[in-house]
């Protein structure tokens, strides 16, 4: 399915140096914000108190959030779990207050609004648990990166694998840079969004790389130079890119608008990743492949000795 088909290839590679310069500038800026400002981690990483409460009727989450804000908890999480009557409340640790004192104060304020509320469980999540979650998250990210590189190296060639990983890690760093600059809350759901963006961007790179390989194999296009092949591959997939990313962003925008605080930063991370993913997967990965010196012979096996005019494709 295509919205349109361009008759002439757009000269993307003519401006490859500009695209790479923009990428380098944004990458350096993001790393600078990460180093200087750091992240505003949620209590899943820093530790805090978790309360599970139950109501007689479906709970209204917004009044609960307002009550917690009035108690001085600016960084809190309130969400349903199980049923609409069950609510999980996550509170950051406060100096001078233990977990029991925090839960008593919160329950007293909530019971002043609704007498039917009952406390089902109180649990303290220590910093040790937070460090473990952060460690496991980094391991998951490393495993994803290594797996993607192996997949691309096997399916295409090592130059494509290196270009794709550099370009897609660019997306990850940009997302982290936004969260560091604006000090948005970084939670496990945001980490999940970062991993999702990494895989999503790789998919777009694979589509372009597939078209590059098809063009190299096409005997009618043997006279095309490497930049012209890359231009053709990107131009021929533009319609597909618009359809795919547009439909995905529509869903993510719905989560961003109607998902509430629980899905807000998750959807925000996906939105940033999708926007920059289009740029990096198409206008960063392809120039990097060109700079790494990809050529037609990299994707086509050597000519057989018994028939010098025959070419065997992988």
Protein backbone atom coordinates (compact mmCIF):
# COMPACT_ATOMS: atom_id res chain seq x y z
CA UNK A 1 0.00 0.00 0.00
CA UNK A 2 1.35 3.42 -0.96
CA UNK A 3 0.02 6.95 -0.59
CA UNK A 4 2.26 8.16 -3.39
CA UNK A 5 5.19 7.12 -5.54
CA UNK A 6 8.02 9.49 -6.39
CA UNK A 7 9.30 9.22 -9.95
CA UNK A 8 12.72 10.65 -9.16
CA UNK A 9 15.00 9.71 -6.28
CA UNK A 10 15.57 12.46 -3.75
CA UNK A 11 19.27 13.36 -3.22
CA UNK A 12 19.46 12.52 0.49
CA UNK A 13 23.12 11.48 0.38
CA UNK A 14 24.07 14.84 -1.10
CA UNK A 15 23.35 16.27 2.35
CA UNK A 16 24.71 13.31 4.34
CA UNK A 17 27.36 15.43 6.06
CA UNK A 18 24.69 17.87 7.28
CA UNK A 19 22.53 15.03 8.62
CA UNK A 20 25.47 13.53 10.49
CA UNK A 21 26.46 16.93 11.88
CA UNK A 22 22.93 17.47 13.22
CA UNK A 23 23.04 14.00 14.77
CA UNK A 24 26.39 14.69 16.42
CA UNK A 25 25.20 18.02 17.85
CA UNK A 26 22.00 16.57 19.29
CA UNK A 27 23.90 13.55 20.64
CA UNK A 28 26.49 15.71 22.39
CA UNK A 29 23.75 17.96 23.82
CA UNK A 30 21.83 14.96 25.15
CA UNK A 31 24.95 13.43 26.75
CA UNK A 32 25.75 16.82 28.33
CA UNK A 33 22.30 17.05 29.93
CA UNK A 34 22.54 13.47 31.17
CA UNK A 35 25.94 14.09 32.79
CA UNK A 36 25.21 17.53 34.25
CA UNK A 37 21.57 17.19 35.29
CA UNK A 38 21.15 13.46 35.77
CA UNK A 39 17.75 11.75 35.98
CA UNK A 40 14.75 12.25 38.16
CA UNK A 41 14.25 8.60 39.10
CA UNK A 42 10.93 7.28 40.34
CA UNK A 43 10.65 5.42 43.63
CA UNK A 44 11.06 2.17 41.71
CA UNK A 45 14.74 3.14 41.54
CA UNK A 46 15.19 5.34 44.62
CA UNK A 47 13.09 3.43 47.13
CA UNK A 48 9.92 4.38 49.01
CA UNK A 49 6.64 3.11 50.40
CA UNK A 50 4.00 1.13 48.52
CA UNK A 51 0.41 1.06 49.80
CA UNK A 52 -2.38 -1.11 48.48
CA UNK A 53 -5.84 0.16 49.45
CA UNK A 54 -9.36 -0.94 48.58
CA UNK A 55 -12.60 1.00 48.21
CA UNK A 56 -16.20 -0.17 48.41
CA UNK A 57 -16.93 1.56 45.09
CA UNK A 58 -14.74 2.20 42.03
CA UNK A 59 -12.00 4.58 43.15
CA UNK A 60 -11.56 8.08 41.76
CA UNK A 61 -7.82 8.45 41.25
CA UNK A 62 -7.57 12.20 40.74
CA UNK A 63 -8.84 13.14 44.25
CA UNK A 64 -6.31 10.69 45.69
CA UNK A 65 -3.50 12.38 43.77
CA UNK A 66 -4.66 15.80 44.96
CA UNK A 67 -4.68 14.60 48.58
CA UNK A 68 -1.14 13.26 48.26
CA UNK A 69 0.03 16.55 46.73
CA UNK A 70 -1.49 18.42 49.68
CA UNK A 71 0.50 16.17 52.01
CA UNK A 72 3.70 17.27 50.30
CA UNK A 73 4.27 14.28 48.00
CA UNK A 74 5.15 15.80 44.64
CA UNK A 75 6.55 12.52 43.32
CA UNK A 76 3.86 9.92 43.76
CA UNK A 77 2.19 7.25 41.66
CA UNK A 78 -1.46 6.28 41.92
CA UNK A 79 -2.94 3.56 39.74
CA UNK A 80 -5.53 0.80 39.73
CA UNK A 81 -4.52 -2.82 39.96
CA UNK A 82 -6.71 -5.87 39.79
CA UNK A 83 -10.10 -4.12 39.88
CA UNK A 84 -11.36 -0.54 39.73
CA UNK A 85 -11.81 -0.63 43.53
CA UNK A 86 -8.18 -1.54 44.25
CA UNK A 87 -5.55 1.21 44.19
CA UNK A 88 -1.77 1.07 44.47
CA UNK A 89 -0.03 4.15 45.89
CA UNK A 90 3.72 4.63 45.62
CA UNK A 91 5.35 7.28 47.81
CA UNK A 92 8.98 8.46 47.86
CA UNK A 93 10.91 8.18 51.10
CA UNK A 94 10.78 11.21 53.38
CA UNK A 95 13.42 12.20 55.92
CA UNK A 96 12.35 11.59 59.50
CA UNK A 97 9.43 9.33 58.57
CA UNK A 98 9.41 5.59 58.34
CA UNK A 99 7.09 3.51 56.17
CA UNK A 100 4.49 3.05 58.91
CA UNK A 101 4.32 6.75 59.70
CA UNK A 102 3.88 7.57 56.03
CA UNK A 103 1.07 5.06 55.62
CA UNK A 104 -0.72 6.30 58.77
CA UNK A 105 -0.65 9.90 57.56
CA UNK A 106 -1.86 8.98 54.09
CA UNK A 107 -4.64 6.71 55.34
CA UNK A 108 -5.88 9.38 57.76
CA UNK A 109 -6.11 11.90 54.91
CA UNK A 110 -7.81 9.45 52.54
CA UNK A 111 -10.30 8.22 55.17
CA UNK A 112 -11.33 11.83 55.73
CA UNK A 113 -12.59 11.74 52.13
CA UNK A 114 -14.01 8.22 52.07
CA UNK A 115 -14.68 6.11 55.17
CA UNK A 116 -14.94 2.89 53.14
CA UNK A 117 -11.23 2.80 52.28
CA UNK A 118 -9.27 -0.07 53.81
CA UNK A 119 -5.53 -0.69 53.89
CA UNK A 120 -4.58 -4.06 52.46
CA UNK A 121 -0.79 -3.92 52.43
CA UNK A 122 2.14 -1.65 53.24
CA UNK A 123 5.59 -2.40 51.90
CA UNK A 124 8.87 -0.53 51.96
CA UNK A 125 10.93 -0.72 48.77
CA UNK A 126 14.51 -0.01 49.71
CA UNK A 127 17.25 1.57 47.60
CA UNK A 128 18.84 -1.87 47.23
CA UNK A 129 15.82 -2.98 45.23
CA UNK A 130 16.07 0.17 43.15
CA UNK A 131 19.72 -0.50 42.34
CA UNK A 132 18.82 -4.04 41.34
CA UNK A 133 16.12 -2.79 38.99
CA UNK A 134 18.51 -0.29 37.42
CA UNK A 135 21.16 -2.99 37.01
CA UNK A 136 18.68 -5.41 35.42
CA UNK A 137 17.44 -2.67 33.11
CA UNK A 138 20.96 -1.94 31.86
CA UNK A 139 21.58 -5.64 31.31
CA UNK A 140 18.35 -5.88 29.30
CA UNK A 141 19.43 -2.92 27.17
CA UNK A 142 22.86 -4.47 26.54
CA UNK A 143 21.32 -7.81 25.57
CA UNK A 144 18.97 -6.09 23.11
CA UNK A 145 21.86 -4.18 21.51
CA UNK A 146 24.04 -7.27 21.12
CA UNK A 147 21.14 -9.30 19.72
CA UNK A 148 20.31 -6.62 17.17
CA UNK A 149 23.93 -6.38 16.02
CA UNK A 150 24.19 -10.15 15.57
CA UNK A 151 20.91 -10.24 13.65
CA UNK A 152 21.89 -7.42 11.28
CA UNK A 153 25.40 -8.78 10.75
CA UNK A 154 23.98 -12.17 9.77
CA UNK A 155 21.16 -10.83 7.62
CA UNK A 156 23.13 -8.11 5.87
CA UNK A 157 26.77 -7.32 6.61
CA UNK A 158 28.74 -5.96 9.56
CA UNK A 159 28.77 -2.42 8.15
CA UNK A 160 24.97 -2.36 8.23
CA UNK A 161 24.98 -3.68 11.79
CA UNK A 162 27.37 -0.98 13.02
CA UNK A 163 25.48 1.79 11.22
CA UNK A 164 22.10 0.65 12.56
CA UNK A 165 23.28 0.36 16.16
CA UNK A 166 24.96 3.79 16.12
CA UNK A 167 21.87 5.38 14.59
CA UNK A 168 19.42 3.67 16.94
CA UNK A 169 21.49 4.29 20.06
CA UNK A 170 21.27 7.91 18.97
CA UNK A 171 17.49 7.65 19.50
CA UNK A 172 17.97 6.17 22.98
CA UNK A 173 20.39 8.90 24.05
CA UNK A 174 18.08 11.61 22.70
CA UNK A 175 15.16 10.24 24.75
CA UNK A 176 17.32 10.09 27.87
CA UNK A 177 18.55 13.62 27.13
CA UNK A 178 14.99 14.95 27.06
CA UNK A 179 14.20 13.29 30.40
CA UNK A 180 17.41 14.67 31.92
CA UNK A 181 16.89 18.22 30.61
CA UNK A 182 13.25 18.55 31.67
CA UNK A 183 13.72 16.37 34.78
CA UNK A 184 10.74 14.22 33.84
CA UNK A 185 10.22 11.22 36.06
CA UNK A 186 12.19 8.20 34.85
CA UNK A 187 10.38 4.98 35.76
CA UNK A 188 10.39 1.37 34.66
CA UNK A 189 7.65 2.13 32.13
CA UNK A 190 9.94 4.75 30.54
CA UNK A 191 12.74 2.18 30.41
CA UNK A 192 10.32 -0.19 28.66
CA UNK A 193 9.51 2.57 26.15
CA UNK A 194 13.24 3.09 25.47
CA UNK A 195 13.69 -0.61 24.72
CA UNK A 196 10.59 -0.55 22.50
CA UNK A 197 11.94 2.44 20.55
CA UNK A 198 15.24 0.66 20.01
CA UNK A 199 13.51 -2.31 18.41
CA UNK A 200 11.09 -0.08 16.50
CA UNK A 201 13.88 1.99 14.97
CA UNK A 202 15.80 -1.12 13.97
CA UNK A 203 12.73 -2.32 12.07
CA UNK A 204 12.75 0.86 9.99
CA UNK A 205 16.47 0.48 9.31
CA UNK A 206 15.94 -3.13 8.19
CA UNK A 207 13.30 -2.01 5.68
CA UNK A 208 15.69 0.53 4.13
CA UNK A 209 18.59 -1.94 4.18
CA UNK A 210 16.42 -4.56 2.45
CA UNK A 211 15.73 -2.09 -0.35
CA UNK A 212 19.44 -1.31 -0.57
CA UNK A 213 20.23 -4.99 -1.00
CA UNK A 214 17.48 -5.42 -3.61
CA UNK A 215 18.85 -2.47 -5.58
CA UNK A 216 22.40 -3.83 -5.49
CA UNK A 217 21.10 -7.17 -6.78
CA UNK A 218 19.09 -5.58 -9.59
CA UNK A 219 21.12 -5.93 -12.78
CA UNK A 220 19.25 -3.01 -14.33
CA UNK A 221 20.68 -0.72 -11.64
CA UNK A 222 24.27 -1.97 -11.75
CA UNK A 223 25.50 1.44 -12.94
CA UNK A 224 24.16 3.24 -9.87
CA UNK A 225 26.76 4.50 -7.43
CA UNK A 226 26.48 3.73 -3.72
CA UNK A 227 24.96 7.17 -2.88
CA UNK A 228 22.44 6.73 -5.70
CA UNK A 229 21.51 3.28 -4.41
CA UNK A 230 20.92 4.68 -0.92
CA UNK A 231 18.88 7.56 -2.33
CA UNK A 232 16.73 5.10 -4.26
CA UNK A 233 16.22 2.88 -1.22
CA UNK A 234 15.11 5.77 1.01
CA UNK A 235 12.90 7.38 -1.63
CA UNK A 236 11.14 4.12 -2.48
CA UNK A 237 10.26 3.50 1.19
CA UNK A 238 9.05 7.01 2.08
CA UNK A 239 5.38 6.18 1.58
CA UNK A 240 5.70 3.08 3.74
CA UNK A 241 7.51 5.10 6.41
CA UNK A 242 4.72 7.69 6.55
CA UNK A 243 2.00 5.05 6.84
CA UNK A 244 3.81 3.01 9.50
CA UNK A 245 5.00 5.82 11.72
CA UNK A 246 1.83 7.83 11.25
CA UNK A 247 -0.46 5.01 12.35
CA UNK A 248 1.82 4.16 15.29
CA UNK A 249 1.95 7.78 16.43
CA UNK A 250 -1.84 8.01 16.32
CA UNK A 251 -2.06 5.22 18.88
CA UNK A 252 0.71 6.70 21.03
CA UNK A 253 -0.93 10.14 20.90
CA UNK A 254 -4.16 8.60 22.17
CA UNK A 255 -2.24 7.15 25.12
CA UNK A 256 -0.55 10.50 25.71
CA UNK A 257 -3.85 12.39 25.80
CA UNK A 258 -6.21 9.88 27.38
CA UNK A 259 -3.87 7.51 29.23
CA UNK A 260 -3.58 9.67 32.32
CA UNK A 261 -0.50 10.09 34.55
CA UNK A 262 0.22 6.35 34.54
CA UNK A 263 0.93 6.25 30.78
CA UNK A 264 1.97 9.87 30.29
CA UNK A 265 5.76 9.53 30.38
CA UNK A 266 5.64 6.13 28.68
CA UNK A 267 3.77 7.65 25.73
CA UNK A 268 5.99 10.74 25.81
CA UNK A 269 9.14 8.62 25.50
CA UNK A 270 7.58 6.71 22.61
CA UNK A 271 6.62 9.96 20.86
CA UNK A 272 10.18 11.30 21.08
CA UNK A 273 11.54 7.95 19.95
CA UNK A 274 9.24 7.70 16.95
CA UNK A 275 10.01 11.24 15.76
CA UNK A 276 13.77 10.86 16.08
CA UNK A 277 13.57 7.24 14.94
CA UNK A 278 12.36 8.33 11.52
CA UNK A 279 15.29 10.70 11.24
CA UNK A 280 18.01 8.38 12.51
CA UNK A 281 16.87 5.18 10.79
CA UNK A 282 16.70 6.87 7.40
CA UNK A 283 18.98 9.90 7.44
CA UNK A 284 21.66 8.73 9.87
CA UNK A 285 21.98 4.97 9.31
CA UNK A 286 22.18 5.28 5.51
CA UNK A 287 24.96 7.92 5.50
CA UNK A 288 26.89 5.88 8.06
CA UNK A 289 26.71 2.85 5.77
CA UNK A 290 28.10 5.02 2.99
CA UNK A 291 30.92 6.36 5.19
CA UNK A 292 31.82 2.80 6.21
CA UNK A 293 32.44 2.00 2.56
CA UNK A 294 29.65 -0.42 1.69
CA UNK A 295 29.76 -1.67 -1.89
CA UNK A 296 27.86 -4.05 -4.12
CA UNK A 297 30.33 -6.88 -3.54
CA UNK A 298 29.52 -6.86 0.20
CA UNK A 299 26.04 -8.24 -0.49
CA UNK A 300 26.79 -10.50 -3.46
CA UNK A 301 28.89 -13.64 -3.38
CA UNK A 302 31.98 -13.95 -5.62
CA UNK A 303 31.59 -15.15 -9.20
CA UNK A 304 31.81 -18.93 -9.69
CA UNK A 305 35.01 -20.12 -11.35
CA UNK A 306 33.25 -22.52 -13.76
CA UNK A 307 31.06 -19.74 -15.18
CA UNK A 308 32.58 -16.26 -15.04
CA UNK A 309 29.35 -14.66 -16.26
CA UNK A 310 27.19 -16.09 -13.47
CA UNK A 311 26.58 -14.26 -10.22
CA UNK A 312 25.25 -16.07 -7.18
CA UNK A 313 23.14 -14.08 -4.76
CA UNK A 314 23.18 -14.79 -1.04
